Amino acid sequence: MDRLLDAGHDVLSLDVDSRPSDPRATSRQVDVLDLPGLTAALAGVEAVFHVAGMSNVDFAYADPARTVRLNVEGTGNVCEAARQAGVARVLFASTVWVYGAVGERADPAPLTEDAEITLGRAGHVYTSTKLAAELLLHSYQQTYGLPFTILRYGIPYGPGMRDELVLARFVRKALDGESLTVAGDGQQFRNYVFVRDLADAHVLALRPEAENATIALEGAEAVSVLEMAQAVCSHFPGTAIEHVPARPGDFRGREVSAQRALDLLGWQPTTPFTDGVRQYIEWYLANRRPPAQAVQPVDDLDVSAASSE
């Protein structure tokens, strides 16, 4: 949001929590499952960044029915509200988890946005809901002419990240003197992308070149969960790593190309992983709250609407 504001856009934040995350933005309390309320809120808006939904894969596994409502029905509501309100484009936060549904290939080259999805490989319910949401965006464009941009996030990390994400959990456990738990062998990898690099991509995604495009916003370095745990241990000597059973349907990681983001938007991540971890730990230590005051969000139900000044 702050990058959009810095770039000169007027921003309206729609969330189940009405507290604004940036005082420069206008904030309104709206639930993504409330179609009439969402439609009214989008009146006069030029573009919608749809980042609402169940984003924690563990919560998605525990409550698949709610995950389907938030990620699929919620996306349908955003598309329909945008259509009725005359919004010029919906920009959707998808995920590189969808590449787990691409069939095995002999070609060792990184996967691109055009890689063919195999439904029988969808795996985790979180992946299925994101694929369904992407399909809805394509259908609304083809049926009703509603333009879209799909942004397939690498795994974001950095200052301000949610407390339940892996790096945040590892840092909190290390500070509390607990072991860091790694699912399975820990070799499942992600190309983590620093949150400020990711935010810059959203401003660039408003360009006309990104209309009706799917763009992977992948980090530059492949980092395993075990390597992330080891990076945290390097800042908190004496912290132990404990292996626990692997999660069913977990995304092991696939090498994904971010070349389209560079070609269309001129975007590429610039923050090295070790530097991003350091910045997050410094931020966390400076902003750590007592446990009684900490908030553990279950869902991220924010829909940000931007317009140019």
Protein backbone atom coordinates (compact mmCIF):
# COMPACT_ATOMS: atom_id res chain seq x y z
CA MET A 1 0.00 0.00 0.00
CA ASP A 2 2.76 2.47 0.91
CA ARG A 3 4.43 2.01 -2.50
CA LEU A 4 1.16 2.83 -4.28
CA LEU A 5 0.74 5.94 -2.16
CA ASP A 6 4.36 6.95 -2.74
CA ALA A 7 3.75 6.61 -6.49
CA GLY A 8 0.92 9.17 -6.33
CA HIS A 9 -2.14 6.90 -6.28
CA ASP A 10 -5.18 7.43 -4.11
CA VAL A 11 -5.74 4.22 -2.15
CA LEU A 12 -8.92 2.87 -0.57
CA SER A 13 -8.31 -0.13 1.72
CA LEU A 14 -11.25 -2.51 2.14
CA ASP A 15 -10.87 -4.94 5.02
CA VAL A 16 -12.82 -6.70 7.75
CA ASP A 17 -10.60 -4.64 10.07
CA SER A 18 -11.33 -0.95 9.55
CA ARG A 19 -8.06 0.25 11.07
CA PRO A 20 -5.92 1.80 8.29
CA SER A 21 -2.42 0.37 7.90
CA ASP A 22 -1.26 3.70 6.44
CA PRO A 23 -2.81 7.00 7.55
CA ARG A 24 -2.54 8.36 4.00
CA ALA A 25 -5.05 5.79 2.74
CA THR A 26 -8.81 5.83 3.12
CA SER A 27 -10.11 2.75 4.92
CA ARG A 28 -13.52 1.10 4.92
CA GLN A 29 -14.76 -2.01 6.72
CA VAL A 30 -16.02 -4.50 4.12
CA ASP A 31 -16.05 -8.31 4.05
CA VAL A 32 -15.01 -9.94 0.77
CA LEU A 33 -18.00 -12.29 1.17
CA ASP A 34 -20.41 -9.33 1.27
CA LEU A 35 -21.13 -8.78 -2.44
CA PRO A 36 -23.51 -5.78 -2.08
CA GLY A 37 -21.16 -4.02 0.33
CA LEU A 38 -18.16 -4.74 -1.86
CA THR A 39 -19.95 -3.49 -4.99
CA ALA A 40 -20.91 -0.24 -3.30
CA ALA A 41 -17.37 0.27 -1.99
CA LEU A 42 -15.84 -0.11 -5.47
CA ALA A 43 -17.89 2.67 -7.04
CA GLY A 44 -15.53 5.08 -8.82
CA VAL A 45 -12.47 2.82 -8.39
CA GLU A 46 -10.09 2.31 -11.34
CA ALA A 47 -8.20 -0.82 -10.26
CA VAL A 48 -8.55 -3.39 -7.49
CA PHE A 49 -5.70 -5.33 -5.88
CA HIS A 50 -7.42 -8.48 -4.66
CA VAL A 51 -5.25 -9.87 -1.85
CA ALA A 52 -8.11 -11.24 0.25
CA GLY A 53 -8.39 -14.85 1.29
CA MET A 54 -7.03 -17.72 3.34
CA SER A 55 -3.29 -17.50 2.86
CA ASN A 56 -1.98 -19.82 5.59
CA VAL A 57 -1.70 -23.33 4.14
CA ASP A 58 -1.95 -24.96 7.58
CA PHE A 59 -5.24 -23.16 8.28
CA ALA A 60 -6.40 -24.14 4.78
CA TYR A 61 -5.67 -27.80 5.54
CA ALA A 62 -7.56 -27.58 8.85
CA ASP A 63 -10.61 -25.79 7.41
CA PRO A 64 -10.96 -26.55 3.68
CA ALA A 65 -14.62 -25.44 3.46
CA ARG A 66 -13.85 -21.94 4.74
CA THR A 67 -10.81 -21.80 2.49
CA VAL A 68 -13.00 -22.49 -0.56
CA ARG A 69 -15.42 -19.76 0.50
CA LEU A 70 -12.73 -17.16 1.02
CA ASN A 71 -10.48 -17.98 -1.92
CA VAL A 72 -13.02 -19.01 -4.56
CA GLU A 73 -16.33 -17.39 -3.61
CA GLY A 74 -14.42 -14.32 -2.42
CA THR A 75 -12.69 -13.99 -5.79
CA GLY A 76 -16.01 -14.42 -7.58
CA ASN A 77 -17.44 -11.62 -5.45
CA VAL A 78 -14.52 -9.31 -6.26
CA CYS A 79 -14.91 -10.00 -9.99
CA GLU A 80 -18.67 -9.47 -9.90
CA ALA A 81 -18.42 -6.33 -7.76
CA ALA A 82 -15.75 -4.95 -10.10
CA ARG A 83 -17.92 -5.74 -13.14
CA GLN A 84 -20.97 -4.04 -11.67
CA ALA A 85 -18.96 -1.01 -10.49
CA GLY A 86 -17.17 -0.54 -13.82
CA VAL A 87 -13.66 -1.15 -12.45
CA ALA A 88 -11.01 -1.09 -15.18
CA ARG A 89 -8.94 -4.03 -13.91
CA VAL A 90 -8.65 -6.63 -11.11
CA LEU A 91 -5.12 -7.52 -10.03
CA PHE A 92 -5.12 -10.83 -8.17
CA ALA A 93 -2.62 -12.22 -5.66
CA SER A 94 -2.04 -15.83 -6.67
CA THR A 95 0.91 -18.04 -5.72
CA VAL A 96 3.76 -20.11 -7.12
CA TRP A 97 2.12 -23.07 -5.34
CA VAL A 98 0.08 -23.52 -8.54
CA TYR A 99 3.24 -24.78 -10.26
CA GLY A 100 3.00 -27.87 -8.09
CA ALA A 101 0.16 -28.89 -10.43
CA VAL A 102 2.42 -28.85 -13.51
CA GLY A 103 3.30 -32.33 -14.76
CA GLU A 104 6.83 -33.70 -14.63
CA ARG A 105 8.92 -32.61 -17.60
CA ALA A 106 12.16 -33.77 -19.20
CA ASP A 107 13.03 -30.14 -19.97
CA PRO A 108 15.13 -28.80 -17.04
CA ALA A 109 14.36 -25.15 -17.86
CA PRO A 110 12.48 -23.13 -15.22
CA LEU A 111 8.69 -23.21 -15.48
CA THR A 112 6.97 -20.26 -17.10
CA GLU A 113 3.50 -18.80 -16.68
CA ASP A 114 2.38 -20.80 -19.73
CA ALA A 115 3.25 -24.19 -18.19
CA GLU A 116 0.30 -26.58 -18.54
CA ILE A 117 -1.60 -27.31 -15.33
CA THR A 118 -2.59 -30.94 -14.63
CA LEU A 119 -5.68 -31.05 -12.42
CA GLY A 120 -4.78 -34.46 -11.05
CA ARG A 121 -1.63 -32.95 -9.53
CA ALA A 122 -3.36 -30.10 -7.68
CA GLY A 123 -2.48 -31.60 -4.30
CA HIS A 124 -3.17 -29.19 -1.43
CA VAL A 125 -6.63 -27.62 -1.18
CA TYR A 126 -4.92 -24.21 -1.00
CA THR A 127 -3.45 -24.82 -4.47
CA SER A 128 -6.84 -25.87 -5.84
CA THR A 129 -8.55 -22.72 -4.58
CA LYS A 130 -5.91 -20.48 -6.14
CA LEU A 131 -6.21 -22.31 -9.46
CA ALA A 132 -10.00 -21.95 -9.31
CA ALA A 133 -9.66 -18.23 -8.59
CA GLU A 134 -7.34 -17.77 -11.58
CA LEU A 135 -9.87 -19.60 -13.75
CA LEU A 136 -12.63 -17.23 -12.60
CA LEU A 137 -10.57 -14.21 -13.63
CA HIS A 138 -10.06 -15.65 -17.10
CA SER A 139 -13.78 -16.42 -17.38
CA TYR A 140 -14.82 -12.91 -16.33
CA GLN A 141 -12.48 -11.45 -18.92
CA GLN A 142 -13.71 -13.74 -21.70
CA THR A 143 -17.40 -13.53 -20.77
CA TYR A 144 -17.79 -9.96 -19.53
CA GLY A 145 -14.66 -8.19 -20.77
CA LEU A 146 -13.29 -7.52 -17.26
CA PRO A 147 -9.51 -7.08 -17.55
CA PHE A 148 -7.25 -8.81 -15.04
CA THR A 149 -3.65 -9.26 -13.99
CA ILE A 150 -2.64 -12.41 -12.11
CA LEU A 151 0.44 -12.01 -9.91
CA ARG A 152 1.83 -15.36 -8.83
CA TYR A 153 3.74 -14.50 -5.67
CA GLY A 154 6.88 -16.18 -4.57
CA ILE A 155 6.79 -16.65 -0.80
CA PRO A 156 6.97 -13.13 0.68
CA TYR A 157 8.99 -12.31 3.79
CA GLY A 158 10.35 -9.25 5.59
CA PRO A 159 9.31 -6.45 7.97
CA GLY A 160 5.58 -6.47 8.70
CA MET A 161 5.07 -10.10 7.66
CA ARG A 162 2.31 -12.05 9.39
CA ASP A 163 3.20 -13.82 12.62
CA GLU A 164 2.17 -17.26 11.36
CA LEU A 165 4.55 -17.38 8.37
CA VAL A 166 7.58 -19.66 8.62
CA LEU A 167 10.32 -17.10 9.14
CA ALA A 168 8.27 -15.22 11.75
CA ARG A 169 7.54 -18.45 13.64
CA PHE A 170 11.20 -19.44 13.58
CA VAL A 171 12.33 -16.07 14.94
CA ARG A 172 9.69 -16.10 17.68
CA LYS A 173 10.63 -19.64 18.73
CA ALA A 174 14.33 -18.81 18.74
CA LEU A 175 13.73 -15.81 20.99
CA ASP A 176 11.68 -18.00 23.33
CA GLY A 177 14.43 -20.62 23.50
CA GLU A 178 12.39 -23.25 21.63
CA SER A 179 13.48 -25.64 18.88
CA LEU A 180 12.68 -24.77 15.27
CA THR A 181 10.41 -27.45 13.77
CA VAL A 182 11.00 -28.42 10.14
CA ALA A 183 8.45 -30.59 8.30
CA GLY A 184 9.92 -33.70 6.71
CA ASP A 185 13.50 -33.48 5.49
CA GLY A 186 13.29 -29.70 5.10
CA GLN A 187 14.42 -29.83 1.48
CA GLN A 188 11.16 -28.34 0.18
CA PHE A 189 12.33 -25.02 -1.22
CA ARG A 190 10.90 -21.64 -2.05
CA ASN A 191 12.29 -18.61 -3.87
CA TYR A 192 11.44 -16.20 -1.07
CA VAL A 193 10.81 -12.64 -2.24
CA PHE A 194 11.44 -9.65 0.01
CA VAL A 195 8.26 -7.76 0.81
CA ARG A 196 9.54 -4.39 -0.42
CA ASP A 197 10.61 -5.90 -3.74
CA LEU A 198 7.14 -7.44 -4.03
CA ALA A 199 5.47 -4.12 -3.23
CA ASP A 200 7.41 -2.40 -6.01
CA ALA A 201 6.06 -4.97 -8.48
CA HIS A 202 2.47 -4.00 -7.66
CA VAL A 203 3.00 -0.40 -8.73
CA LEU A 204 4.57 -1.60 -11.98
CA ALA A 205 1.72 -4.07 -12.55
CA LEU A 206 -0.68 -1.17 -13.16
CA ARG A 207 1.05 -0.59 -16.50
CA PRO A 208 -1.02 -1.39 -19.62
CA GLU A 209 1.49 -4.10 -20.59
CA ALA A 210 0.31 -6.21 -17.63
CA GLU A 211 -3.36 -6.23 -18.65
CA ASN A 212 -4.72 -9.80 -19.05
CA ALA A 213 -1.30 -11.22 -18.21
CA THR A 214 -0.18 -13.79 -15.66
CA ILE A 215 3.15 -12.80 -14.09
CA ALA A 216 5.31 -14.75 -11.66
CA LEU A 217 6.94 -12.57 -8.99
CA GLU A 218 9.56 -15.07 -7.93
CA GLY A 219 12.56 -14.47 -5.71
CA ALA A 220 16.05 -14.84 -7.14
CA GLU A 221 17.35 -17.48 -4.71
CA ALA A 222 16.04 -20.99 -4.02
CA VAL A 223 16.09 -21.47 -0.23
CA SER A 224 15.01 -24.66 1.52
CA VAL A 225 13.02 -24.59 4.75
CA LEU A 226 16.02 -26.17 6.46
CA GLU A 227 18.31 -23.42 5.14
CA MET A 228 15.87 -20.81 6.46
CA ALA A 229 15.97 -22.44 9.89
CA GLN A 230 19.76 -22.47 9.76
CA ALA A 231 19.79 -18.78 8.79
CA VAL A 232 17.73 -17.94 11.88
CA CYS A 233 19.98 -20.13 14.06
CA SER A 234 22.97 -18.08 12.88
CA HIS A 235 21.41 -15.03 14.57
CA PHE A 236 20.44 -16.97 17.72
CA PRO A 237 23.30 -19.36 18.58
CA GLY A 238 22.28 -22.46 20.51
CA THR A 239 18.86 -22.78 18.85
CA ALA A 240 18.07 -26.39 17.92
CA ILE A 241 16.31 -27.70 14.80
CA GLU A 242 13.75 -30.50 15.19
CA HIS A 243 12.29 -32.48 12.28
CA VAL A 244 8.57 -33.40 12.36
CA PRO A 245 6.43 -35.44 9.90
CA ALA A 246 5.90 -33.90 6.46
CA ARG A 247 2.62 -32.07 5.72
CA PRO A 248 0.20 -33.85 3.36
CA GLY A 249 0.14 -32.25 -0.11
CA ASP A 250 3.04 -29.91 0.69
CA PHE A 251 4.52 -28.03 -2.28
CA ARG A 252 8.09 -29.27 -2.62
CA GLY A 253 9.05 -26.37 -4.83
CA ARG A 254 9.63 -25.98 -8.57
CA GLU A 255 12.07 -23.69 -10.34
CA VAL A 256 10.00 -20.84 -11.75
CA SER A 257 11.09 -18.14 -14.19
CA ALA A 258 10.52 -14.46 -13.42
CA GLN A 259 11.60 -13.42 -16.92
CA ARG A 260 8.12 -12.19 -17.89
CA ALA A 261 8.11 -9.77 -14.93
CA LEU A 262 11.43 -8.39 -16.17
CA ASP A 263 10.30 -8.20 -19.80
CA LEU A 264 6.86 -6.65 -19.17
CA LEU A 265 7.47 -4.60 -16.03
CA GLY A 266 11.22 -4.16 -15.75
CA TRP A 267 10.96 -5.84 -12.34
CA GLN A 268 13.41 -8.12 -10.62
CA PRO A 269 14.07 -8.79 -6.92
CA THR A 270 17.17 -7.07 -5.56
CA THR A 271 17.32 -8.03 -1.86
CA PRO A 272 19.58 -11.02 -1.02
CA PHE A 273 17.90 -13.56 1.25
CA THR A 274 20.43 -13.28 4.09
CA ASP A 275 20.08 -9.48 4.09
CA GLY A 276 16.28 -9.77 4.09
CA VAL A 277 16.40 -12.12 7.09
CA ARG A 278 18.65 -9.67 8.92
CA GLN A 279 16.30 -6.76 8.16
CA TYR A 280 13.31 -8.76 9.38
CA ILE A 281 15.00 -9.77 12.65
CA GLU A 282 16.07 -6.17 13.31
CA TRP A 283 12.52 -4.96 12.61
CA TYR A 284 11.00 -7.67 14.78
CA LEU A 285 13.26 -6.95 17.74
CA ALA A 286 12.47 -3.22 17.48
CA ASN A 287 8.70 -3.79 17.27
CA ARG A 288 8.19 -6.89 19.40
CA ARG A 289 5.04 -6.76 21.50
CA PRO A 290 4.34 -8.60 24.75
CA PRO A 291 2.57 -11.94 24.05
CA ALA A 292 -0.70 -10.70 25.60
CA GLN A 293 -0.87 -7.92 22.99
CA ALA A 294 0.14 -9.96 19.99
CA VAL A 295 -2.50 -10.55 17.34
CA GLN A 296 -2.59 -13.82 15.39
CA PRO A 297 -4.64 -13.15 12.24
CA VAL A 298 -6.42 -16.15 10.77
CA ASP A 299 -7.39 -14.64 7.44
CA ASP A 300 -6.17 -11.80 5.27
CA LEU A 301 -9.32 -10.19 3.89
CA ASP A 302 -7.92 -7.00 2.44
CA VAL A 303 -8.94 -5.66 -0.96
CA SER A 304 -7.06 -2.50 -1.91
CA ALA A 305 -8.44 -0.22 -4.57
CA ALA A 306 -6.19 2.26 -6.31
CA SER A 307 -6.76 5.18 -8.64
CA SER A 308 -4.35 7.70 -10.17
CA GLU A 309 -4.41 11.26 -8.97
